[in-house]
Amino acid sequence: MTDSVPAPSPAGTSATLTASAVVKRFGQVVALGGVSLAIHPGESVAIMGPSGSGKSTLLHCLSGILVPEQGTVALGSHQISTMSDARRSRLRRERFGFVFQDGQLIGELPARENVALPLLLAGVSRREALHRADTWLVRLGLSGMEARRPGELSGGQAQRVAIARALVHSPAVIFADEPTGALDQATGHEVMQILTSTARMAGATLVLVTHDINVARWCHRLVEIRDALVHSDTRLEQQEG
């Protein structure tokens, strides 16, 4: 099986993300006990479950941050779980975007440079990277805030910067781990509206871990993890913005 990184397609993501009988342990603790899941291009999927159920571990295996002991994870025909560390790092950098609970923005950098970072790491010229970053900041309602550092932004504004950073390099899949966990309900609603609508506009697949059913309802599907296994997989009605 080739160790190459799947190339982008003009339409955005073009491949199904699959986990097949994935097993992941931490010492004697079984975090995932044989999970199988297929996430299709352009879908948004929320993963929920009690604390310790394995939902974040599943997201980390799907994104290539963790490697399962058994089973496989693939993006189309490309086996993520058998790639070298270097290839998985490149895949995450080029084809995946990430949004975390606390944003994980670099405090010393202004918003536009935080957004441009994935492009700069990929070798895009600074001028082009900053231009594309500014374009995304305007799209997400942050015009005039390009020079502000994370400490000068509200929680909701900082998460919008994080969403712009996740989308600026046209990823196939966006992984979001509790993206509204540090926000109040109204701001969380706003962030989810922006995250789902911009992912849809960009043609990206969205995989979201949350403990909040109101957040999950923004997605096409709800996958519940219990005791390290998929307990249910339900299609949801899409919320309107």
C-alpha atoms as a PDB file:
ATOM      1  CA  MET A   1       0.000   0.000   0.000  1.00  0.00           C
ATOM      2  CA  THR A   2       1.433   3.368  -1.004  1.00  0.00           C
ATOM      3  CA  ASP A   3       2.693   5.726   1.680  1.00  0.00           C
ATOM      4  CA  SER A   4       1.906   8.853  -0.321  1.00  0.00           C
ATOM      5  CA  VAL A   5      -0.416  11.634   0.751  1.00  0.00           C
ATOM      6  CA  PRO A   6      -3.709  11.907  -1.153  1.00  0.00           C
ATOM      7  CA  ALA A   7      -3.754  14.893  -3.433  1.00  0.00           C
ATOM      8  CA  PRO A   8      -6.441  17.561  -3.202  1.00  0.00           C
ATOM      9  CA  SER A   9      -9.253  17.533  -5.744  1.00  0.00           C
ATOM     10  CA  PRO A  10     -10.765  20.651  -7.322  1.00  0.00           C
ATOM     11  CA  ALA A  11     -14.065  19.954  -5.571  1.00  0.00           C
ATOM     12  CA  GLY A  12     -12.502  19.726  -2.119  1.00  0.00           C
ATOM     13  CA  THR A  13     -12.613  16.362  -0.422  1.00  0.00           C
ATOM     14  CA  SER A  14     -13.108  13.377  -2.695  1.00  0.00           C
ATOM     15  CA  ALA A  15     -12.539  10.397  -0.449  1.00  0.00           C
ATOM     16  CA  THR A  16     -14.367   8.555   2.311  1.00  0.00           C
ATOM     17  CA  LEU A  17     -12.688   8.497   5.735  1.00  0.00           C
ATOM     18  CA  THR A  18     -12.956   5.015   7.221  1.00  0.00           C
ATOM     19  CA  ALA A  19     -12.074   3.217  10.418  1.00  0.00           C
ATOM     20  CA  SER A  20     -12.162  -0.583  10.199  1.00  0.00           C
ATOM     21  CA  ALA A  21     -12.116  -2.669  13.414  1.00  0.00           C
ATOM     22  CA  VAL A  22      -9.888  -0.098  15.132  1.00  0.00           C
ATOM     23  CA  VAL A  23      -8.439  -1.106  18.494  1.00  0.00           C
ATOM     24  CA  LYS A  24      -6.487   1.333  20.670  1.00  0.00           C
ATOM     25  CA  ARG A  25      -5.198   0.660  24.195  1.00  0.00           C
ATOM     26  CA  PHE A  26      -3.464   2.781  26.793  1.00  0.00           C
ATOM     27  CA  GLY A  27      -1.738   0.269  29.031  1.00  0.00           C
ATOM     28  CA  GLN A  28      -4.454  -2.087  30.230  1.00  0.00           C
ATOM     29  CA  VAL A  29      -7.240   0.321  29.317  1.00  0.00           C
ATOM     30  CA  VAL A  30      -9.073  -0.387  26.060  1.00  0.00           C
ATOM     31  CA  ALA A  31      -9.990   3.014  24.620  1.00  0.00           C
ATOM     32  CA  LEU A  32     -11.371   1.614  21.344  1.00  0.00           C
ATOM     33  CA  GLY A  33     -12.460  -2.002  21.198  1.00  0.00           C
ATOM     34  CA  GLY A  34     -12.940  -2.617  17.464  1.00  0.00           C
ATOM     35  CA  VAL A  35     -14.622   0.493  16.038  1.00  0.00           C
ATOM     36  CA  SER A  36     -15.733   0.608  12.411  1.00  0.00           C
ATOM     37  CA  LEU A  37     -17.059   3.793  10.839  1.00  0.00           C
ATOM     38  CA  ALA A  38     -17.339   5.365   7.388  1.00  0.00           C
ATOM     39  CA  ILE A  39     -17.594   9.137   6.965  1.00  0.00           C
ATOM     40  CA  HIS A  40     -18.466  10.202   3.447  1.00  0.00           C
ATOM     41  CA  PRO A  41     -17.241  13.274   1.527  1.00  0.00           C
ATOM     42  CA  GLY A  42     -18.908  16.476   2.665  1.00  0.00           C
ATOM     43  CA  GLU A  43     -20.632  14.912   5.678  1.00  0.00           C
ATOM     44  CA  SER A  44     -20.600  16.435   9.135  1.00  0.00           C
ATOM     45  CA  VAL A  45     -20.457  13.836  11.914  1.00  0.00           C
ATOM     46  CA  ALA A  46     -20.698  14.472  15.643  1.00  0.00           C
ATOM     47  CA  ILE A  47     -19.117  11.942  18.003  1.00  0.00           C
ATOM     48  CA  MET A  48     -20.572  11.853  21.517  1.00  0.00           C
ATOM     49  CA  GLY A  49     -20.191   9.662  24.554  1.00  0.00           C
ATOM     50  CA  PRO A  50     -19.535   9.696  28.308  1.00  0.00           C
ATOM     51  CA  SER A  51     -16.161  10.781  29.641  1.00  0.00           C
ATOM     52  CA  GLY A  52     -13.648   8.028  28.957  1.00  0.00           C
ATOM     53  CA  SER A  53     -15.804   6.351  26.313  1.00  0.00           C
ATOM     54  CA  GLY A  54     -13.167   6.722  23.584  1.00  0.00           C
ATOM     55  CA  LYS A  55     -14.613   9.568  21.508  1.00  0.00           C
ATOM     56  CA  SER A  56     -11.491  11.749  21.537  1.00  0.00           C
ATOM     57  CA  THR A  57      -9.302   8.694  20.961  1.00  0.00           C
ATOM     58  CA  LEU A  58     -11.396   7.888  17.877  1.00  0.00           C
ATOM     59  CA  LEU A  59     -10.933  11.432  16.548  1.00  0.00           C
ATOM     60  CA  HIS A  60      -7.173  11.178  17.150  1.00  0.00           C
ATOM     61  CA  CYS A  61      -6.985   7.847  15.311  1.00  0.00           C
ATOM     62  CA  LEU A  62      -9.055   9.156  12.390  1.00  0.00           C
ATOM     63  CA  SER A  63      -6.772  12.169  12.082  1.00  0.00           C
ATOM     64  CA  GLY A  64      -3.540  10.194  12.298  1.00  0.00           C
ATOM     65  CA  ILE A  65      -2.447  11.699  15.604  1.00  0.00           C
ATOM     66  CA  LEU A  66      -2.640   8.208  17.149  1.00  0.00           C
ATOM     67  CA  VAL A  67      -1.969   4.872  15.454  1.00  0.00           C
ATOM     68  CA  PRO A  68      -4.232   1.919  16.377  1.00  0.00           C
ATOM     69  CA  GLU A  69      -2.782  -1.387  17.578  1.00  0.00           C
ATOM     70  CA  GLN A  70      -5.244  -3.250  15.362  1.00  0.00           C
ATOM     71  CA  GLY A  71      -7.484  -2.321  12.445  1.00  0.00           C
ATOM     72  CA  THR A  72      -7.004   0.380   9.835  1.00  0.00           C
ATOM     73  CA  VAL A  73      -7.806   4.023   9.214  1.00  0.00           C
ATOM     74  CA  ALA A  74      -7.908   5.254   5.622  1.00  0.00           C
ATOM     75  CA  LEU A  75      -8.718   8.304   3.522  1.00  0.00           C
ATOM     76  CA  GLY A  76      -9.936   6.722   0.316  1.00  0.00           C
ATOM     77  CA  SER A  77      -7.372   4.114  -0.696  1.00  0.00           C
ATOM     78  CA  HIS A  78      -4.609   5.676   1.397  1.00  0.00           C
ATOM     79  CA  GLN A  79      -3.945   3.779   4.627  1.00  0.00           C
ATOM     80  CA  ILE A  80      -3.282   6.453   7.260  1.00  0.00           C
ATOM     81  CA  SER A  81      -2.600   3.893   9.987  1.00  0.00           C
ATOM     82  CA  THR A  82       0.346   2.364   8.095  1.00  0.00           C
ATOM     83  CA  MET A  83       1.978   5.622   7.016  1.00  0.00           C
ATOM     84  CA  SER A  84       5.292   6.665   8.505  1.00  0.00           C
ATOM     85  CA  ASP A  85       5.271   9.391  11.141  1.00  0.00           C
ATOM     86  CA  ALA A  86       6.567  11.863   8.570  1.00  0.00           C
ATOM     87  CA  ARG A  87       3.825  11.013   6.051  1.00  0.00           C
ATOM     88  CA  ARG A  88       1.102  11.265   8.692  1.00  0.00           C
ATOM     89  CA  SER A  89       2.465  14.654   9.769  1.00  0.00           C
ATOM     90  CA  ARG A  90       2.408  15.813   6.162  1.00  0.00           C
ATOM     91  CA  LEU A  91      -1.147  14.508   5.729  1.00  0.00           C
ATOM     92  CA  ARG A  92      -2.329  16.419   8.808  1.00  0.00           C
ATOM     93  CA  ARG A  93      -0.570  19.556   7.599  1.00  0.00           C
ATOM     94  CA  GLU A  94      -1.838  19.427   4.011  1.00  0.00           C
ATOM     95  CA  ARG A  95      -5.194  17.623   3.990  1.00  0.00           C
ATOM     96  CA  PHE A  96      -6.627  18.038   7.497  1.00  0.00           C
ATOM     97  CA  GLY A  97      -7.688  21.089   9.490  1.00  0.00           C
ATOM     98  CA  PHE A  98      -8.091  21.230  13.268  1.00  0.00           C
ATOM     99  CA  VAL A  99     -10.217  23.306  15.647  1.00  0.00           C
ATOM    100  CA  PHE A 100      -9.704  22.751  19.379  1.00  0.00           C
ATOM    101  CA  GLN A 101     -11.614  23.780  22.498  1.00  0.00           C
ATOM    102  CA  ASP A 102      -9.196  26.574  23.373  1.00  0.00           C
ATOM    103  CA  GLY A 103      -8.338  27.464  19.781  1.00  0.00           C
ATOM    104  CA  GLN A 104      -4.616  26.796  20.330  1.00  0.00           C
ATOM    105  CA  LEU A 105      -3.708  30.013  18.565  1.00  0.00           C
ATOM    106  CA  ILE A 106      -0.166  31.348  18.919  1.00  0.00           C
ATOM    107  CA  GLY A 107      -0.438  34.258  21.334  1.00  0.00           C
ATOM    108  CA  GLU A 108       2.486  36.226  19.933  1.00  0.00           C
ATOM    109  CA  LEU A 109       1.127  36.265  16.382  1.00  0.00           C
ATOM    110  CA  PRO A 110      -1.642  38.511  14.990  1.00  0.00           C
ATOM    111  CA  ALA A 111      -4.787  36.865  13.666  1.00  0.00           C
ATOM    112  CA  ARG A 112      -3.730  36.981  10.010  1.00  0.00           C
ATOM    113  CA  GLU A 113      -0.425  35.204  10.738  1.00  0.00           C
ATOM    114  CA  ASN A 114      -2.164  32.571  12.859  1.00  0.00           C
ATOM    115  CA  VAL A 115      -4.469  31.860   9.916  1.00  0.00           C
ATOM    116  CA  ALA A 116      -1.645  31.903   7.368  1.00  0.00           C
ATOM    117  CA  LEU A 117       0.503  29.444   9.332  1.00  0.00           C
ATOM    118  CA  PRO A 118      -0.607  26.216   7.543  1.00  0.00           C
ATOM    119  CA  LEU A 119       0.134  27.839   4.187  1.00  0.00           C
ATOM    120  CA  LEU A 120       3.528  29.120   5.294  1.00  0.00           C
ATOM    121  CA  LEU A 121       4.444  25.645   6.583  1.00  0.00           C
ATOM    122  CA  ALA A 122       3.426  24.238   3.193  1.00  0.00           C
ATOM    123  CA  GLY A 123       5.814  26.587   1.391  1.00  0.00           C
ATOM    124  CA  VAL A 124       3.313  29.152   0.099  1.00  0.00           C
ATOM    125  CA  SER A 125       4.845  32.607  -0.282  1.00  0.00           C
ATOM    126  CA  ARG A 126       4.270  34.955   2.635  1.00  0.00           C
ATOM    127  CA  ARG A 127       2.460  37.474   0.444  1.00  0.00           C
ATOM    128  CA  GLU A 128       0.040  34.875  -0.929  1.00  0.00           C
ATOM    129  CA  ALA A 129      -0.459  33.209   2.464  1.00  0.00           C
ATOM    130  CA  LEU A 130      -1.355  36.503   4.149  1.00  0.00           C
ATOM    131  CA  HIS A 131      -3.669  37.463   1.292  1.00  0.00           C
ATOM    132  CA  ARG A 132      -5.571  34.171   1.620  1.00  0.00           C
ATOM    133  CA  ALA A 133      -5.648  34.540   5.406  1.00  0.00           C
ATOM    134  CA  ASP A 134      -7.119  38.029   5.132  1.00  0.00           C
ATOM    135  CA  THR A 135      -9.744  36.744   2.695  1.00  0.00           C
ATOM    136  CA  TRP A 136     -10.881  34.105   5.181  1.00  0.00           C
ATOM    137  CA  LEU A 137     -10.935  36.560   8.077  1.00  0.00           C
ATOM    138  CA  VAL A 138     -13.224  38.834   6.073  1.00  0.00           C
ATOM    139  CA  ARG A 139     -15.486  35.871   5.205  1.00  0.00           C
ATOM    140  CA  LEU A 140     -15.802  35.054   8.895  1.00  0.00           C
ATOM    141  CA  GLY A 141     -16.727  38.571   9.912  1.00  0.00           C
ATOM    142  CA  LEU A 142     -13.340  39.599  11.300  1.00  0.00           C
ATOM    143  CA  SER A 143     -12.543  42.459   8.931  1.00  0.00           C
ATOM    144  CA  GLY A 144     -10.441  45.031  10.755  1.00  0.00           C
ATOM    145  CA  MET A 145      -9.159  42.496  13.290  1.00  0.00           C
ATOM    146  CA  GLU A 146      -6.348  41.064  11.159  1.00  0.00           C
ATOM    147  CA  ALA A 147      -3.627  42.633  13.339  1.00  0.00           C
ATOM    148  CA  ARG A 148      -5.144  41.699  16.692  1.00  0.00           C
ATOM    149  CA  ARG A 149      -3.445  39.051  18.775  1.00  0.00           C
ATOM    150  CA  PRO A 150      -5.484  36.249  20.415  1.00  0.00           C
ATOM    151  CA  GLY A 151      -5.469  38.052  23.775  1.00  0.00           C
ATOM    152  CA  GLU A 152      -7.196  41.007  22.144  1.00  0.00           C
ATOM    153  CA  LEU A 153     -10.076  38.885  20.804  1.00  0.00           C
ATOM    154  CA  SER A 154     -13.219  37.567  22.477  1.00  0.00           C
ATOM    155  CA  GLY A 155     -13.655  33.804  22.826  1.00  0.00           C
ATOM    156  CA  GLY A 156     -15.972  33.665  19.836  1.00  0.00           C
ATOM    157  CA  GLN A 157     -13.661  35.806  17.712  1.00  0.00           C
ATOM    158  CA  ALA A 158     -10.681  33.619  18.599  1.00  0.00           C
ATOM    159  CA  GLN A 159     -12.596  30.498  17.559  1.00  0.00           C
ATOM    160  CA  ARG A 160     -13.461  32.143  14.256  1.00  0.00           C
ATOM    161  CA  VAL A 161      -9.751  32.741  13.718  1.00  0.00           C
ATOM    162  CA  ALA A 162      -9.153  29.057  14.511  1.00  0.00           C
ATOM    163  CA  ILE A 163     -11.845  28.066  11.975  1.00  0.00           C
ATOM    164  CA  ALA A 164     -10.210  30.287   9.345  1.00  0.00           C
ATOM    165  CA  ARG A 165      -6.861  28.629  10.067  1.00  0.00           C
ATOM    166  CA  ALA A 166      -8.456  25.192   9.701  1.00  0.00           C
ATOM    167  CA  LEU A 167      -9.959  26.087   6.314  1.00  0.00           C
ATOM    168  CA  VAL A 168      -7.321  28.323   4.704  1.00  0.00           C
ATOM    169  CA  HIS A 169      -5.473  25.460   2.979  1.00  0.00           C
ATOM    170  CA  SER A 170      -8.638  23.783   1.580  1.00  0.00           C
ATOM    171  CA  PRO A 171      -8.493  20.614   3.707  1.00  0.00           C
ATOM    172  CA  ALA A 172     -10.337  17.408   2.913  1.00  0.00           C
ATOM    173  CA  VAL A 173     -11.407  16.939   6.538  1.00  0.00           C
ATOM    174  CA  ILE A 174     -11.828  19.305   9.482  1.00  0.00           C
ATOM    175  CA  PHE A 175     -11.486  17.753  12.940  1.00  0.00           C
ATOM    176  CA  ALA A 176     -13.058  19.741  15.786  1.00  0.00           C
ATOM    177  CA  ASP A 177     -12.541  18.671  19.417  1.00  0.00           C
ATOM    178  CA  GLU A 178     -15.074  20.362  21.730  1.00  0.00           C
ATOM    179  CA  PRO A 179     -14.939  23.597  19.673  1.00  0.00           C
ATOM    180  CA  THR A 180     -17.597  25.301  21.831  1.00  0.00           C
ATOM    181  CA  GLY A 181     -16.499  23.869  25.186  1.00  0.00           C
ATOM    182  CA  ALA A 182     -15.032  27.148  26.447  1.00  0.00           C
ATOM    183  CA  LEU A 183     -17.843  29.361  25.109  1.00  0.00           C
ATOM    184  CA  ASP A 184     -21.222  30.474  26.430  1.00  0.00           C
ATOM    185  CA  GLN A 185     -24.334  29.071  24.762  1.00  0.00           C
ATOM    186  CA  ALA A 186     -25.010  32.020  22.453  1.00  0.00           C
ATOM    187  CA  THR A 187     -21.408  32.267  21.284  1.00  0.00           C
ATOM    188  CA  GLY A 188     -21.252  28.487  20.863  1.00  0.00           C
ATOM    189  CA  HIS A 189     -24.352  28.633  18.654  1.00  0.00           C
ATOM    190  CA  GLU A 190     -22.684  31.316  16.528  1.00  0.00           C
ATOM    191  CA  VAL A 191     -19.443  29.354  16.233  1.00  0.00           C
ATOM    192  CA  MET A 192     -21.251  26.151  15.191  1.00  0.00           C
ATOM    193  CA  GLN A 193     -23.263  28.039  12.578  1.00  0.00           C
ATOM    194  CA  ILE A 194     -20.034  29.439  11.141  1.00  0.00           C
ATOM    195  CA  LEU A 195     -18.116  26.146  11.374  1.00  0.00           C
ATOM    196  CA  THR A 196     -20.771  24.029   9.657  1.00  0.00           C
ATOM    197  CA  SER A 197     -21.649  26.583   6.992  1.00  0.00           C
ATOM    198  CA  THR A 198     -18.036  27.333   6.057  1.00  0.00           C
ATOM    199  CA  ALA A 199     -17.118  23.634   5.982  1.00  0.00           C
ATOM    200  CA  ARG A 200     -20.084  23.020   3.680  1.00  0.00           C
ATOM    201  CA  MET A 201     -19.103  25.967   1.484  1.00  0.00           C
ATOM    202  CA  ALA A 202     -15.539  24.642   1.244  1.00  0.00           C
ATOM    203  CA  GLY A 203     -16.713  21.101   0.459  1.00  0.00           C
ATOM    204  CA  ALA A 204     -14.899  19.740   3.517  1.00  0.00           C
ATOM    205  CA  THR A 205     -15.912  16.812   5.696  1.00  0.00           C
ATOM    206  CA  LEU A 206     -16.404  17.730   9.374  1.00  0.00           C
ATOM    207  CA  VAL A 207     -15.712  15.342  12.267  1.00  0.00           C
ATOM    208  CA  LEU A 208     -16.694  16.843  15.612  1.00  0.00           C
ATOM    209  CA  VAL A 209     -16.310  15.590  19.193  1.00  0.00           C
ATOM    210  CA  THR A 210     -18.718  17.137  21.696  1.00  0.00           C
ATOM    211  CA  HIS A 211     -20.508  16.423  24.958  1.00  0.00           C
ATOM    212  CA  ASP A 212     -23.376  18.778  24.039  1.00  0.00           C
ATOM    213  CA  ILE A 213     -26.348  17.417  22.074  1.00  0.00           C
ATOM    214  CA  ASN A 214     -27.228  20.952  20.959  1.00  0.00           C
ATOM    215  CA  VAL A 215     -23.819  21.182  19.290  1.00  0.00           C
ATOM    216  CA  ALA A 216     -24.185  17.700  17.778  1.00  0.00           C
ATOM    217  CA  ARG A 217     -27.493  18.688  16.167  1.00  0.00           C
ATOM    218  CA  TRP A 218     -25.640  20.973  13.766  1.00  0.00           C
ATOM    219  CA  CYS A 219     -24.238  17.860  12.074  1.00  0.00           C
ATOM    220  CA  HIS A 220     -25.655  15.347   9.575  1.00  0.00           C
ATOM    221  CA  ARG A 221     -24.984  12.344  11.812  1.00  0.00           C
ATOM    222  CA  LEU A 222     -24.560  11.522  15.485  1.00  0.00           C
ATOM    223  CA  VAL A 223     -22.268   8.630  16.404  1.00  0.00           C
ATOM    224  CA  GLU A 224     -22.460   7.608  20.068  1.00  0.00           C
ATOM    225  CA  ILE A 225     -19.475   5.823  21.623  1.00  0.00           C
ATOM    226  CA  ARG A 226     -19.963   3.773  24.777  1.00  0.00           C
ATOM    227  CA  ASP A 227     -17.559   1.352  26.402  1.00  0.00           C
ATOM    228  CA  ALA A 228     -15.049   1.777  23.551  1.00  0.00           C
ATOM    229  CA  LEU A 229     -17.549   0.740  20.856  1.00  0.00           C
ATOM    230  CA  VAL A 230     -20.037   2.423  18.513  1.00  0.00           C
ATOM    231  CA  HIS A 231     -23.359   2.288  20.378  1.00  0.00           C
ATOM    232  CA  SER A 232     -25.487   4.056  17.748  1.00  0.00           C
ATOM    233  CA  ASP A 233     -25.175   5.912  14.448  1.00  0.00           C
ATOM    234  CA  THR A 234     -28.118   8.210  13.734  1.00  0.00           C
ATOM    235  CA  ARG A 235     -28.944  10.612  10.926  1.00  0.00           C
ATOM    236  CA  LEU A 236     -29.983  14.035  12.191  1.00  0.00           C
ATOM    237  CA  GLU A 237     -32.144  16.786  10.763  1.00  0.00           C
ATOM    238  CA  GLN A 238     -29.972  19.749   9.817  1.00  0.00           C
ATOM    239  CA  GLN A 239     -30.411  22.925  11.838  1.00  0.00           C
ATOM    240  CA  GLU A 240     -30.961  26.122   9.951  1.00  0.00           C
ATOM    241  CA  GLY A 241     -28.667  29.039  10.660  1.00  0.00           C
END
